[in-house]
């Protein structure tokens, strides 16, 4: 059940990486809130900044190449970006847990499943081995692993991919976190196991009332369990709203492009519509809307000024000049089509 209590607030988050070729601006001013019991999905193409955002929340930005240049991350009112490593360690894995992308490599092949499950409890909860073992058995039962007493003694190579993913989920949940970050939790799994894992997420959330951030590019996964969806492109959130608003009334051209590129059973005879072009180079990101070069409806102003957030409802916001009040005076004179809008018919950016 979703409550009005804010568990997480991300404000103007900016993360960069210093490389030999220059500075990569991976996350460029991300804002969102997460409520208790809510599942927020962050979707977008590979390289848009989804995983970097989740790693920043977890305090896992690699040093010294990675740096949080601006913004703050408030977890229950405490700014994670201002904490020392020792302070973060008291939160990581306890109050905030993360499921990493690949279950095949997330587990240590040299340690038994029992040792890996009990490690967090013994480190953070300061309980005895017998009590930790009892809790580990309960978690394996919760995630659907049969014969848990014997399974604790086994090693990762003795489990299938789906069972390893369940074990990774059990490790993330064993300390009863309030926030769970799942980074592409079903990418390496077949569709049958994916469905089982998603049902497991729903069941665990109902039981424990935790908040979940789901990082994915799979809109089928999003449709199954997300309450709200944030669409990310080139290090920015370009549209955010509840599931129904994003799927049925998307407003940003990039969001529409993502939805149009997904196969639909009710449109078997129609061809998929790919998003032409490539994302911008984040060594030198554009000043305006980063989707301008790939957008059929781009205006001259889009190339020079980034649009402010337009609130379409309490939950639905979009950063697009097509919805910006300052640009609405132009809309009546515009004609949309595959060729886009002739820039010669538009005023310069400074006139809007």
Protein backbone atom coordinates (compact mmCIF):
# COMPACT_ATOMS: atom_id res chain seq x y z
CA UNK A 1 0.00 0.00 0.00
CA UNK A 2 1.41 3.38 -1.05
CA UNK A 3 1.47 6.07 1.65
CA UNK A 4 2.18 9.82 1.60
CA UNK A 5 5.50 9.30 3.41
CA UNK A 6 8.50 10.21 1.25
CA UNK A 7 11.25 7.64 1.62
CA UNK A 8 13.60 9.17 -0.96
CA UNK A 9 14.04 12.60 -2.53
CA UNK A 10 16.51 13.14 -5.37
CA UNK A 11 17.08 16.82 -6.15
CA UNK A 12 19.03 18.14 -9.16
CA UNK A 13 21.43 15.17 -9.12
CA UNK A 14 24.45 15.65 -11.40
CA UNK A 15 27.07 12.92 -11.78
CA UNK A 16 30.14 13.10 -14.02
CA UNK A 17 33.10 10.85 -14.83
CA UNK A 18 36.58 12.14 -15.62
CA UNK A 19 38.24 10.23 -18.47
CA UNK A 20 41.27 10.67 -20.69
CA UNK A 21 38.98 12.01 -23.37
CA UNK A 22 37.31 14.56 -21.10
CA UNK A 23 34.41 14.73 -18.68
CA UNK A 24 31.33 12.59 -19.30
CA UNK A 25 28.19 14.20 -17.86
CA UNK A 26 26.32 10.95 -17.20
CA UNK A 27 23.48 12.37 -15.04
CA UNK A 28 22.51 15.99 -15.68
CA UNK A 29 19.98 17.23 -13.13
CA UNK A 30 17.65 14.39 -12.11
CA UNK A 31 14.70 15.05 -9.77
CA UNK A 32 12.20 12.56 -8.35
CA UNK A 33 10.53 11.44 -5.12
CA UNK A 34 9.75 7.92 -3.92
CA UNK A 35 6.97 7.11 -1.48
CA UNK A 36 6.69 4.28 1.03
CA UNK A 37 5.31 1.14 -0.59
CA UNK A 38 5.69 2.54 -4.12
CA UNK A 39 7.43 1.03 -7.14
CA UNK A 40 9.07 3.62 -9.39
CA UNK A 41 10.44 2.36 -12.72
CA UNK A 42 13.22 4.29 -14.45
CA UNK A 43 13.28 3.40 -18.14
CA UNK A 44 15.33 4.43 -21.14
CA UNK A 45 17.97 3.35 -23.63
CA UNK A 46 21.32 1.91 -22.53
CA UNK A 47 23.65 4.72 -21.51
CA UNK A 48 20.92 7.18 -20.50
CA UNK A 49 22.05 7.29 -16.85
CA UNK A 50 19.68 4.83 -15.15
CA UNK A 51 22.33 2.68 -13.45
CA UNK A 52 24.50 5.70 -12.58
CA UNK A 53 21.52 7.23 -10.78
CA UNK A 54 20.94 4.04 -8.78
CA UNK A 55 24.65 3.71 -7.97
CA UNK A 56 24.69 7.31 -6.73
CA UNK A 57 21.82 6.53 -4.36
CA UNK A 58 23.72 3.51 -3.07
CA UNK A 59 26.96 5.49 -2.69
CA UNK A 60 28.71 3.29 -5.27
CA UNK A 61 30.03 5.92 -7.69
CA UNK A 62 33.66 4.84 -8.33
CA UNK A 63 36.29 7.21 -6.99
CA UNK A 64 38.21 9.25 -7.99
CA UNK A 65 36.97 9.22 -11.60
CA UNK A 66 33.31 9.58 -10.62
CA UNK A 67 31.99 12.63 -8.81
CA UNK A 68 28.60 13.92 -7.70
CA UNK A 69 28.93 17.49 -8.95
CA UNK A 70 25.65 18.86 -7.64
CA UNK A 71 22.36 18.00 -5.99
CA UNK A 72 21.41 15.92 -2.99
CA UNK A 73 19.85 12.55 -2.20
CA UNK A 74 17.64 12.60 0.88
CA UNK A 75 16.82 9.24 2.45
CA UNK A 76 14.26 9.78 5.22
CA UNK A 77 15.53 13.35 5.53
CA UNK A 78 19.25 12.48 5.66
CA UNK A 79 21.48 13.61 2.80
CA UNK A 80 23.40 10.58 1.53
CA UNK A 81 25.76 12.75 -0.53
CA UNK A 82 27.11 14.38 2.65
CA UNK A 83 27.83 11.10 4.47
CA UNK A 84 31.25 9.57 4.98
CA UNK A 85 32.04 6.03 3.80
CA UNK A 86 31.65 4.65 7.32
CA UNK A 87 28.24 6.32 7.69
CA UNK A 88 27.12 4.96 4.31
CA UNK A 89 28.20 1.44 5.25
CA UNK A 90 25.69 1.50 8.11
CA UNK A 91 22.91 2.16 5.58
CA UNK A 92 24.06 0.08 2.59
CA UNK A 93 22.51 -3.36 2.66
CA UNK A 94 20.49 -2.52 5.77
CA UNK A 95 18.16 0.41 5.05
CA UNK A 96 18.90 0.50 1.30
CA UNK A 97 19.66 -2.67 -0.65
CA UNK A 98 20.43 -3.27 -4.31
CA UNK A 99 19.92 -6.15 -6.70
CA UNK A 100 22.65 -5.94 -9.33
CA UNK A 101 22.21 -6.62 -13.03
CA UNK A 102 23.66 -10.10 -13.56
CA UNK A 103 22.82 -12.89 -11.07
CA UNK A 104 25.51 -15.04 -12.69
CA UNK A 105 28.26 -12.72 -11.46
CA UNK A 106 26.61 -11.11 -8.40
CA UNK A 107 27.30 -14.16 -6.21
CA UNK A 108 30.76 -15.16 -4.95
CA UNK A 109 31.56 -18.58 -6.46
CA UNK A 110 33.92 -19.51 -3.60
CA UNK A 111 31.40 -19.06 -0.77
CA UNK A 112 28.34 -21.14 0.01
CA UNK A 113 24.90 -19.61 -0.34
CA UNK A 114 24.48 -19.75 3.44
CA UNK A 115 27.66 -17.76 4.06
CA UNK A 116 26.60 -15.08 1.58
CA UNK A 117 23.10 -14.85 3.02
CA UNK A 118 24.27 -14.62 6.63
CA UNK A 119 27.09 -12.14 5.98
CA UNK A 120 24.83 -9.08 6.10
CA UNK A 121 23.10 -10.21 9.27
CA UNK A 122 26.35 -11.00 11.08
CA UNK A 123 27.88 -7.68 9.99
CA UNK A 124 24.98 -5.29 10.55
CA UNK A 125 22.56 -6.93 12.96
CA UNK A 126 25.14 -8.33 15.41
CA UNK A 127 23.27 -11.58 15.96
CA UNK A 128 24.54 -15.12 16.54
CA UNK A 129 25.16 -17.68 13.80
CA UNK A 130 22.22 -19.87 14.74
CA UNK A 131 19.79 -16.97 14.61
CA UNK A 132 21.32 -15.80 11.33
CA UNK A 133 20.98 -19.30 9.88
CA UNK A 134 17.32 -19.43 10.91
CA UNK A 135 16.70 -16.07 9.20
CA UNK A 136 18.54 -17.26 6.06
CA UNK A 137 16.32 -20.34 5.86
CA UNK A 138 13.22 -18.15 6.20
CA UNK A 139 14.42 -15.89 3.36
CA UNK A 140 15.06 -18.83 1.04
CA UNK A 141 11.54 -20.05 1.72
CA UNK A 142 10.19 -16.56 1.04
CA UNK A 143 11.84 -16.42 -2.39
CA UNK A 144 10.64 -19.90 -3.30
CA UNK A 145 13.79 -22.03 -2.86
CA UNK A 146 12.82 -25.57 -1.83
CA UNK A 147 14.71 -27.61 0.79
CA UNK A 148 16.43 -24.47 2.16
CA UNK A 149 18.33 -26.26 4.97
CA UNK A 150 20.34 -28.26 2.44
CA UNK A 151 20.56 -25.45 -0.10
CA UNK A 152 22.43 -23.25 2.38
CA UNK A 153 25.42 -25.58 2.07
CA UNK A 154 25.56 -25.43 -1.71
CA UNK A 155 27.52 -23.08 -4.00
CA UNK A 156 26.26 -20.75 -6.77
CA UNK A 157 27.25 -23.10 -9.61
CA UNK A 158 24.78 -25.67 -8.25
CA UNK A 159 21.81 -23.37 -8.98
CA UNK A 160 20.05 -22.36 -12.20
CA UNK A 161 19.95 -18.73 -13.37
CA UNK A 162 16.43 -18.19 -12.03
CA UNK A 163 17.32 -19.67 -8.65
CA UNK A 164 20.45 -17.50 -8.44
CA UNK A 165 18.31 -14.44 -9.07
CA UNK A 166 16.02 -15.50 -6.23
CA UNK A 167 19.05 -15.90 -3.96
CA UNK A 168 20.33 -12.43 -4.91
CA UNK A 169 16.89 -11.05 -4.00
CA UNK A 170 17.02 -12.93 -0.67
CA UNK A 171 20.45 -11.42 0.10
CA UNK A 172 19.13 -7.92 -0.67
CA UNK A 173 16.08 -8.39 1.58
CA UNK A 174 17.53 -10.31 4.51
CA UNK A 175 18.23 -7.18 6.60
CA UNK A 176 14.69 -5.84 6.01
CA UNK A 177 15.54 -2.69 4.00
CA UNK A 178 13.06 0.13 3.50
CA UNK A 179 14.30 0.80 -0.05
CA UNK A 180 15.18 -1.81 -2.66
CA UNK A 181 16.91 -0.85 -5.91
CA UNK A 182 16.58 -3.50 -8.62
CA UNK A 183 18.92 -2.86 -11.55
CA UNK A 184 17.74 -4.89 -14.57
CA UNK A 185 16.69 -7.80 -12.31
CA UNK A 186 15.23 -9.93 -15.12
CA UNK A 187 17.56 -9.19 -18.05
CA UNK A 188 19.41 -12.54 -18.02
CA UNK A 189 16.29 -14.65 -17.48
CA UNK A 190 13.84 -16.28 -19.89
CA UNK A 191 10.27 -14.99 -20.02
CA UNK A 192 8.83 -17.74 -17.79
CA UNK A 193 11.33 -17.06 -15.01
CA UNK A 194 10.87 -13.31 -15.52
CA UNK A 195 7.17 -13.66 -14.73
CA UNK A 196 7.96 -15.62 -11.58
CA UNK A 197 10.48 -13.02 -10.39
CA UNK A 198 8.00 -10.18 -10.99
CA UNK A 199 5.31 -12.02 -9.03
CA UNK A 200 7.87 -12.49 -6.27
CA UNK A 201 8.55 -8.74 -6.19
CA UNK A 202 4.83 -8.01 -5.84
CA UNK A 203 4.42 -10.57 -3.07
CA UNK A 204 7.44 -9.32 -1.10
CA UNK A 205 6.35 -5.69 -1.43
CA UNK A 206 2.89 -6.52 -0.09
CA UNK A 207 4.38 -8.41 2.85
CA UNK A 208 7.13 -5.98 3.80
CA UNK A 209 5.77 -2.64 2.48
CA UNK A 210 9.12 -1.67 1.01
CA UNK A 211 9.73 0.95 -1.67
CA UNK A 212 11.26 -0.22 -4.95
CA UNK A 213 13.21 1.56 -7.68
CA UNK A 214 13.18 -0.63 -10.77
CA UNK A 215 15.85 0.11 -13.38
CA UNK A 216 14.95 -1.42 -16.74
CA UNK A 217 14.55 -0.94 -20.48
CA UNK A 218 11.86 -3.62 -20.70
CA UNK A 219 8.45 -1.93 -20.87
CA UNK A 220 6.74 -5.29 -20.36
CA UNK A 221 8.34 -5.53 -16.93
CA UNK A 222 7.28 -1.95 -16.19
CA UNK A 223 3.66 -2.62 -17.14
CA UNK A 224 3.56 -5.53 -14.73
CA UNK A 225 4.67 -3.99 -11.44
CA UNK A 226 5.39 -0.23 -11.65
CA UNK A 227 3.20 2.39 -9.99
CA UNK A 228 4.99 5.36 -11.55
CA UNK A 229 7.40 5.59 -14.48
CA UNK A 230 10.28 8.01 -15.06
CA UNK A 231 11.52 8.13 -18.66
CA UNK A 232 15.21 8.99 -18.88
CA UNK A 233 17.18 10.23 -21.88
CA UNK A 234 20.77 11.49 -22.09
CA UNK A 235 21.12 11.93 -18.33
CA UNK A 236 17.78 13.68 -17.79
CA UNK A 237 14.26 12.61 -16.83
CA UNK A 238 12.18 13.88 -19.74
CA UNK A 239 8.79 12.58 -18.56
CA UNK A 240 7.38 11.13 -15.36
CA UNK A 241 3.89 9.97 -14.47
CA UNK A 242 1.83 7.07 -13.24
CA UNK A 243 1.63 3.90 -15.30
CA UNK A 244 -1.64 4.73 -17.02
CA UNK A 245 -0.50 8.24 -17.98
CA UNK A 246 2.77 7.06 -19.51
CA UNK A 247 1.29 4.14 -21.42
CA UNK A 248 -1.97 5.73 -22.59
CA UNK A 249 -1.26 9.49 -22.75
CA UNK A 250 2.50 9.92 -23.29
CA UNK A 251 3.48 13.48 -24.23
CA UNK A 252 7.24 13.48 -24.88
CA UNK A 253 8.23 12.34 -28.40
CA UNK A 254 10.89 10.06 -26.91
CA UNK A 255 8.34 8.32 -24.68
CA UNK A 256 6.09 7.83 -27.70
CA UNK A 257 9.05 6.46 -29.65
CA UNK A 258 9.82 3.91 -26.93
CA UNK A 259 6.22 2.72 -26.88
CA UNK A 260 6.00 2.56 -30.69
CA UNK A 261 9.11 0.37 -30.85
CA UNK A 262 7.53 -2.35 -28.70
CA UNK A 263 5.76 -5.23 -30.53
CA UNK A 264 1.97 -5.31 -30.02
CA UNK A 265 -0.30 -8.32 -30.44
CA UNK A 266 -3.19 -6.16 -31.63
CA UNK A 267 -1.12 -4.64 -34.46
CA UNK A 268 0.48 -7.71 -35.99
CA UNK A 269 0.47 -6.39 -39.56
CA UNK A 270 2.12 -3.07 -38.79
CA UNK A 271 5.89 -2.63 -38.82
CA UNK A 272 7.75 -1.54 -35.71
CA UNK A 273 8.78 2.12 -35.68
CA UNK A 274 12.38 2.46 -34.51
CA UNK A 275 13.73 5.73 -33.15
CA UNK A 276 16.08 6.89 -35.88
CA UNK A 277 19.49 8.32 -35.01
CA UNK A 278 21.71 7.98 -31.93
CA UNK A 279 21.79 9.59 -28.47
CA UNK A 280 23.94 12.73 -28.04
CA UNK A 281 27.57 12.63 -26.98
CA UNK A 282 27.69 13.29 -23.24
CA UNK A 283 31.28 14.52 -23.48
CA UNK A 284 29.65 17.64 -24.90
CA UNK A 285 25.90 17.44 -24.18
CA UNK A 286 23.49 19.77 -25.99
CA UNK A 287 22.27 22.94 -24.30
CA UNK A 288 18.67 22.38 -25.32
CA UNK A 289 16.52 19.26 -25.42
CA UNK A 290 18.86 16.27 -25.97
CA UNK A 291 16.27 14.54 -28.17
CA UNK A 292 16.14 17.38 -30.71
CA UNK A 293 18.29 15.67 -33.37
CA UNK A 294 16.01 12.59 -33.38
CA UNK A 295 12.67 14.35 -32.99
CA UNK A 296 10.24 14.77 -35.91
CA UNK A 297 8.63 17.76 -34.19
CA UNK A 298 11.71 19.73 -33.17
CA UNK A 299 11.60 23.52 -33.23
CA UNK A 300 14.49 25.95 -33.37
CA UNK A 301 14.08 26.74 -29.68
CA UNK A 302 14.55 23.04 -28.80
CA UNK A 303 18.16 23.18 -29.93
CA UNK A 304 19.12 26.10 -27.71
CA UNK A 305 17.05 26.08 -24.50
CA UNK A 306 16.09 23.13 -22.30
CA UNK A 307 12.33 23.24 -21.57
CA UNK A 308 11.08 23.56 -18.01
CA UNK A 309 8.81 20.90 -16.51
CA UNK A 310 5.16 21.23 -17.52
CA UNK A 311 2.74 19.67 -15.01
CA UNK A 312 -0.08 17.90 -16.84
CA UNK A 313 -1.54 16.39 -13.67
CA UNK A 314 -0.51 15.90 -10.04
CA UNK A 315 1.76 12.99 -11.02
CA UNK A 316 2.41 13.67 -14.72
CA UNK A 317 5.20 16.02 -15.76
CA UNK A 318 7.04 16.45 -19.06
CA UNK A 319 10.03 18.46 -20.26
CA UNK A 320 9.12 19.29 -23.84
CA UNK A 321 8.61 22.54 -25.74
CA UNK A 322 5.47 21.09 -27.34
CA UNK A 323 3.84 21.27 -23.89
CA UNK A 324 5.55 24.40 -22.62
CA UNK A 325 3.21 27.37 -22.11
CA UNK A 326 5.73 29.72 -23.68
CA UNK A 327 5.63 27.73 -26.93
CA UNK A 328 1.89 27.14 -27.14
CA UNK A 329 1.42 30.36 -29.09
CA UNK A 330 3.41 28.72 -31.89
CA UNK A 331 1.49 25.45 -32.00
CA UNK A 332 -1.45 26.75 -34.07
CA UNK A 333 0.91 27.71 -36.89
CA UNK A 334 2.77 24.38 -36.93
CA UNK A 335 2.27 21.39 -39.20
CA UNK A 336 3.57 18.06 -37.98
CA UNK A 337 4.80 15.26 -40.21
CA UNK A 338 7.71 13.01 -40.99
CA UNK A 339 9.65 15.95 -42.36
CA UNK A 340 9.15 17.86 -39.10
CA UNK A 341 8.61 21.61 -38.81
CA UNK A 342 10.42 24.10 -40.99
CA UNK A 343 12.67 26.12 -38.67
CA UNK A 344 12.44 29.14 -41.02
CA UNK A 345 8.81 29.61 -39.96
CA UNK A 346 9.74 29.83 -36.29
CA UNK A 347 11.12 32.66 -34.20
CA UNK A 348 14.63 32.41 -32.79
CA UNK A 349 15.13 30.87 -29.37
CA UNK A 350 15.58 34.29 -27.80
CA UNK A 351 12.10 35.33 -28.95
CA UNK A 352 10.30 32.58 -27.01
